Amino acid sequence: MRRICILAAALCFAAPAYGPAYAQAPVQAAVQAAVQAPSRSFVVFFETWSGALDSQAQSIIQAAATAAKAAPSDAIVVTGTSDPTGTARANSLVSALRAQQVADALTDMGVSAGRISQVAYGSAEYALAGIESRRVVIAIGAK
């Protein structure tokens, strides 16, 4: 089962190379922070080397679109990342694809494309273990 959580962008970071168990602690802390405080960040997770949006991803994007439409003057930043599998170029491309897929879905759900900025980090910027790295963060009201 995929872990679905809402993360504050400040909680994303590069985990040290101590293995998957070590990287889980920051993810658990992020989940706790999201539960305790309202957030306007939404996280969509992906399978390895995929940019496909499954039904769970569509539901998360729909929630983000609803929040975005409720705050029509707020900018939206869509940030794609990948796990460290593969080359830096391939990771950058899959991160960009994921960000584009999510931005397109937001637009299809009625969010103005002019409000959406996209960033693709590949795996270098926010590497965590496994599926936590294969994600797109939708930040509404991002500066």
C-alpha atoms as a PDB file:
ATOM      1  CA  MET A   1       0.000   0.000   0.000  1.00  0.00           C
ATOM      2  CA  ARG A   2       1.300   3.436  -0.832  1.00  0.00           C
ATOM      3  CA  ARG A   3       1.885   5.898   1.917  1.00  0.00           C
ATOM      4  CA  ILE A   4      -0.156   9.046   1.262  1.00  0.00           C
ATOM      5  CA  CYS A   5       0.717  12.131   3.209  1.00  0.00           C
ATOM      6  CA  ILE A   6       0.688  15.878   3.023  1.00  0.00           C
ATOM      7  CA  LEU A   7       4.140  17.366   3.507  1.00  0.00           C
ATOM      8  CA  ALA A   8       5.385  20.863   4.132  1.00  0.00           C
ATOM      9  CA  ALA A   9       8.047  21.670   1.549  1.00  0.00           C
ATOM     10  CA  ALA A  10      10.540  22.520   4.298  1.00  0.00           C
ATOM     11  CA  LEU A  11      10.569  18.893   5.444  1.00  0.00           C
ATOM     12  CA  CYS A  12      12.037  17.605   2.182  1.00  0.00           C
ATOM     13  CA  PHE A  13      15.779  17.036   2.300  1.00  0.00           C
ATOM     14  CA  ALA A  14      18.571  14.766   1.134  1.00  0.00           C
ATOM     15  CA  ALA A  15      18.773  11.765   3.449  1.00  0.00           C
ATOM     16  CA  PRO A  16      22.222  10.444   4.401  1.00  0.00           C
ATOM     17  CA  ALA A  17      23.297   7.115   2.938  1.00  0.00           C
ATOM     18  CA  TYR A  18      22.381   5.022   5.986  1.00  0.00           C
ATOM     19  CA  GLY A  19      19.813   2.914   4.141  1.00  0.00           C
ATOM     20  CA  PRO A  20      16.010   2.825   3.897  1.00  0.00           C
ATOM     21  CA  ALA A  21      15.310   2.341   7.616  1.00  0.00           C
ATOM     22  CA  TYR A  22      17.174   5.531   8.483  1.00  0.00           C
ATOM     23  CA  ALA A  23      15.330   7.527   5.823  1.00  0.00           C
ATOM     24  CA  GLN A  24      11.930   6.456   7.194  1.00  0.00           C
ATOM     25  CA  ALA A  25      12.259   8.599  10.339  1.00  0.00           C
ATOM     26  CA  PRO A  26      12.073  11.941   8.463  1.00  0.00           C
ATOM     27  CA  VAL A  27       9.115  10.678   6.445  1.00  0.00           C
ATOM     28  CA  GLN A  28       7.304   9.660   9.632  1.00  0.00           C
ATOM     29  CA  ALA A  29       8.084  13.061  11.166  1.00  0.00           C
ATOM     30  CA  ALA A  30       6.677  14.754   8.064  1.00  0.00           C
ATOM     31  CA  VAL A  31       3.478  12.726   8.308  1.00  0.00           C
ATOM     32  CA  GLN A  32       3.128  13.724  11.977  1.00  0.00           C
ATOM     33  CA  ALA A  33       3.673  17.399  11.136  1.00  0.00           C
ATOM     34  CA  ALA A  34       1.092  17.208   8.357  1.00  0.00           C
ATOM     35  CA  VAL A  35      -1.483  15.669  10.666  1.00  0.00           C
ATOM     36  CA  GLN A  36      -0.895  18.277  13.368  1.00  0.00           C
ATOM     37  CA  ALA A  37      -1.013  21.397  11.187  1.00  0.00           C
ATOM     38  CA  PRO A  38      -3.076  22.295   8.159  1.00  0.00           C
ATOM     39  CA  SER A  39      -1.013  22.361   4.996  1.00  0.00           C
ATOM     40  CA  ARG A  40      -1.494  23.394   1.441  1.00  0.00           C
ATOM     41  CA  SER A  41       1.002  20.919   0.050  1.00  0.00           C
ATOM     42  CA  PHE A  42      -0.121  17.698  -1.601  1.00  0.00           C
ATOM     43  CA  VAL A  43       2.111  14.748  -2.488  1.00  0.00           C
ATOM     44  CA  VAL A  44       1.588  12.359  -5.400  1.00  0.00           C
ATOM     45  CA  PHE A  45       3.688   9.174  -5.460  1.00  0.00           C
ATOM     46  CA  PHE A  46       4.751   7.213  -8.562  1.00  0.00           C
ATOM     47  CA  GLU A  47       5.992   3.764  -9.468  1.00  0.00           C
ATOM     48  CA  THR A  48       9.620   3.335 -10.625  1.00  0.00           C
ATOM     49  CA  TRP A  49      10.276   5.016 -13.981  1.00  0.00           C
ATOM     50  CA  SER A  50       6.634   5.971 -14.342  1.00  0.00           C
ATOM     51  CA  GLY A  51       4.775   9.208 -14.817  1.00  0.00           C
ATOM     52  CA  ALA A  52       1.373   7.504 -14.909  1.00  0.00           C
ATOM     53  CA  LEU A  53      -1.343   8.893 -12.670  1.00  0.00           C
ATOM     54  CA  ASP A  54      -3.325   6.129 -10.988  1.00  0.00           C
ATOM     55  CA  SER A  55      -6.701   6.637  -9.282  1.00  0.00           C
ATOM     56  CA  GLN A  56      -5.034   7.465  -5.969  1.00  0.00           C
ATOM     57  CA  ALA A  57      -2.911  10.147  -7.660  1.00  0.00           C
ATOM     58  CA  GLN A  58      -6.000  11.545  -9.393  1.00  0.00           C
ATOM     59  CA  SER A  59      -7.767  11.850  -6.026  1.00  0.00           C
ATOM     60  CA  ILE A  60      -4.853  13.738  -4.497  1.00  0.00           C
ATOM     61  CA  ILE A  61      -4.609  16.044  -7.508  1.00  0.00           C
ATOM     62  CA  GLN A  62      -8.374  16.657  -7.331  1.00  0.00           C
ATOM     63  CA  ALA A  63      -8.002  17.692  -3.670  1.00  0.00           C
ATOM     64  CA  ALA A  64      -5.159  20.033  -4.660  1.00  0.00           C
ATOM     65  CA  ALA A  65      -7.231  21.479  -7.513  1.00  0.00           C
ATOM     66  CA  THR A  66     -10.109  22.131  -5.118  1.00  0.00           C
ATOM     67  CA  ALA A  67      -7.749  23.897  -2.690  1.00  0.00           C
ATOM     68  CA  ALA A  68      -6.178  25.883  -5.537  1.00  0.00           C
ATOM     69  CA  LYS A  69      -9.556  27.028  -6.857  1.00  0.00           C
ATOM     70  CA  ALA A  70     -10.498  28.152  -3.331  1.00  0.00           C
ATOM     71  CA  ALA A  71      -7.451  30.475  -3.350  1.00  0.00           C
ATOM     72  CA  PRO A  72      -7.431  31.819  -6.930  1.00  0.00           C
ATOM     73  CA  SER A  73      -4.688  34.408  -6.356  1.00  0.00           C
ATOM     74  CA  ASP A  74      -2.161  31.936  -4.938  1.00  0.00           C
ATOM     75  CA  ALA A  75       0.684  30.654  -7.085  1.00  0.00           C
ATOM     76  CA  ILE A  76       1.213  26.903  -7.403  1.00  0.00           C
ATOM     77  CA  VAL A  77       4.590  25.156  -7.622  1.00  0.00           C
ATOM     78  CA  VAL A  78       4.693  21.561  -8.854  1.00  0.00           C
ATOM     79  CA  THR A  79       8.006  19.880  -7.946  1.00  0.00           C
ATOM     80  CA  GLY A  80       8.997  16.509  -9.397  1.00  0.00           C
ATOM     81  CA  THR A  81      11.653  14.220  -7.927  1.00  0.00           C
ATOM     82  CA  SER A  82      12.895  10.689  -8.565  1.00  0.00           C
ATOM     83  CA  ASP A  83      14.773   7.970  -6.753  1.00  0.00           C
ATOM     84  CA  PRO A  84      18.536   7.588  -7.357  1.00  0.00           C
ATOM     85  CA  THR A  85      18.084   4.623  -9.744  1.00  0.00           C
ATOM     86  CA  GLY A  86      19.523   5.413 -13.180  1.00  0.00           C
ATOM     87  CA  THR A  87      21.571   8.257 -14.575  1.00  0.00           C
ATOM     88  CA  ALA A  88      21.257  11.883 -13.522  1.00  0.00           C
ATOM     89  CA  ARG A  89      19.873  12.763 -16.977  1.00  0.00           C
ATOM     90  CA  ALA A  90      17.252   9.993 -16.873  1.00  0.00           C
ATOM     91  CA  ASN A  91      16.207  11.005 -13.350  1.00  0.00           C
ATOM     92  CA  SER A  92      15.904  14.615 -14.416  1.00  0.00           C
ATOM     93  CA  LEU A  93      13.724  13.636 -17.377  1.00  0.00           C
ATOM     94  CA  VAL A  94      11.398  11.400 -15.353  1.00  0.00           C
ATOM     95  CA  SER A  95      11.086  14.128 -12.698  1.00  0.00           C
ATOM     96  CA  ALA A  96      10.121  16.650 -15.371  1.00  0.00           C
ATOM     97  CA  LEU A  97       7.621  14.189 -16.877  1.00  0.00           C
ATOM     98  CA  ARG A  98       5.992  13.634 -13.487  1.00  0.00           C
ATOM     99  CA  ALA A  99       5.745  17.378 -12.799  1.00  0.00           C
ATOM    100  CA  GLN A 100       4.251  17.932 -16.270  1.00  0.00           C
ATOM    101  CA  GLN A 101       1.682  15.143 -15.796  1.00  0.00           C
ATOM    102  CA  VAL A 102       0.533  16.638 -12.496  1.00  0.00           C
ATOM    103  CA  ALA A 103       0.463  20.205 -13.856  1.00  0.00           C
ATOM    104  CA  ASP A 104      -1.582  19.031 -16.859  1.00  0.00           C
ATOM    105  CA  ALA A 105      -4.017  17.199 -14.570  1.00  0.00           C
ATOM    106  CA  LEU A 106      -4.453  20.337 -12.441  1.00  0.00           C
ATOM    107  CA  THR A 107      -5.169  22.333 -15.596  1.00  0.00           C
ATOM    108  CA  ASP A 108      -7.651  19.685 -16.792  1.00  0.00           C
ATOM    109  CA  MET A 109      -9.394  20.039 -13.412  1.00  0.00           C
ATOM    110  CA  GLY A 110      -9.905  23.777 -13.915  1.00  0.00           C
ATOM    111  CA  VAL A 111      -6.787  25.373 -12.426  1.00  0.00           C
ATOM    112  CA  SER A 112      -5.344  28.145 -14.601  1.00  0.00           C
ATOM    113  CA  ALA A 113      -2.080  27.065 -16.235  1.00  0.00           C
ATOM    114  CA  GLY A 114      -0.706  30.583 -15.685  1.00  0.00           C
ATOM    115  CA  ARG A 115      -0.649  29.983 -11.918  1.00  0.00           C
ATOM    116  CA  ILE A 116       1.435  26.806 -12.153  1.00  0.00           C
ATOM    117  CA  SER A 117       5.255  26.702 -12.129  1.00  0.00           C
ATOM    118  CA  GLN A 118       7.136  23.433 -12.536  1.00  0.00           C
ATOM    119  CA  VAL A 119      10.454  22.320 -11.072  1.00  0.00           C
ATOM    120  CA  ALA A 120      12.241  19.004 -11.712  1.00  0.00           C
ATOM    121  CA  TYR A 121      15.001  17.997  -9.304  1.00  0.00           C
ATOM    122  CA  GLY A 122      15.840  14.491 -10.474  1.00  0.00           C
ATOM    123  CA  SER A 123      17.205  12.503  -7.549  1.00  0.00           C
ATOM    124  CA  ALA A 124      19.977  14.817  -6.363  1.00  0.00           C
ATOM    125  CA  GLU A 125      17.963  17.373  -4.412  1.00  0.00           C
ATOM    126  CA  TYR A 126      15.533  15.399  -2.254  1.00  0.00           C
ATOM    127  CA  ALA A 127      16.617  11.751  -2.284  1.00  0.00           C
ATOM    128  CA  LEU A 128      14.824   9.525   0.193  1.00  0.00           C
ATOM    129  CA  ALA A 129      14.333   5.771   0.198  1.00  0.00           C
ATOM    130  CA  GLY A 130      12.171   4.099  -2.431  1.00  0.00           C
ATOM    131  CA  ILE A 131       8.755   5.446  -3.280  1.00  0.00           C
ATOM    132  CA  GLU A 132       9.179   8.541  -1.082  1.00  0.00           C
ATOM    133  CA  SER A 133      11.624   9.854  -3.708  1.00  0.00           C
ATOM    134  CA  ARG A 134       9.325   9.097  -6.632  1.00  0.00           C
ATOM    135  CA  ARG A 135       6.950  11.946  -6.026  1.00  0.00           C
ATOM    136  CA  VAL A 136       5.553  15.294  -7.045  1.00  0.00           C
ATOM    137  CA  VAL A 137       4.791  17.928  -4.432  1.00  0.00           C
ATOM    138  CA  ILE A 138       2.026  20.414  -5.243  1.00  0.00           C
ATOM    139  CA  ALA A 139       2.558  23.554  -3.139  1.00  0.00           C
ATOM    140  CA  ILE A 140      -0.271  26.094  -3.172  1.00  0.00           C
ATOM    141  CA  GLY A 141       0.652  29.603  -2.105  1.00  0.00           C
ATOM    142  CA  ALA A 142       4.351  28.911  -2.656  1.00  0.00           C
ATOM    143  CA  LYS A 143       6.592  31.934  -2.828  1.00  0.00           C
END
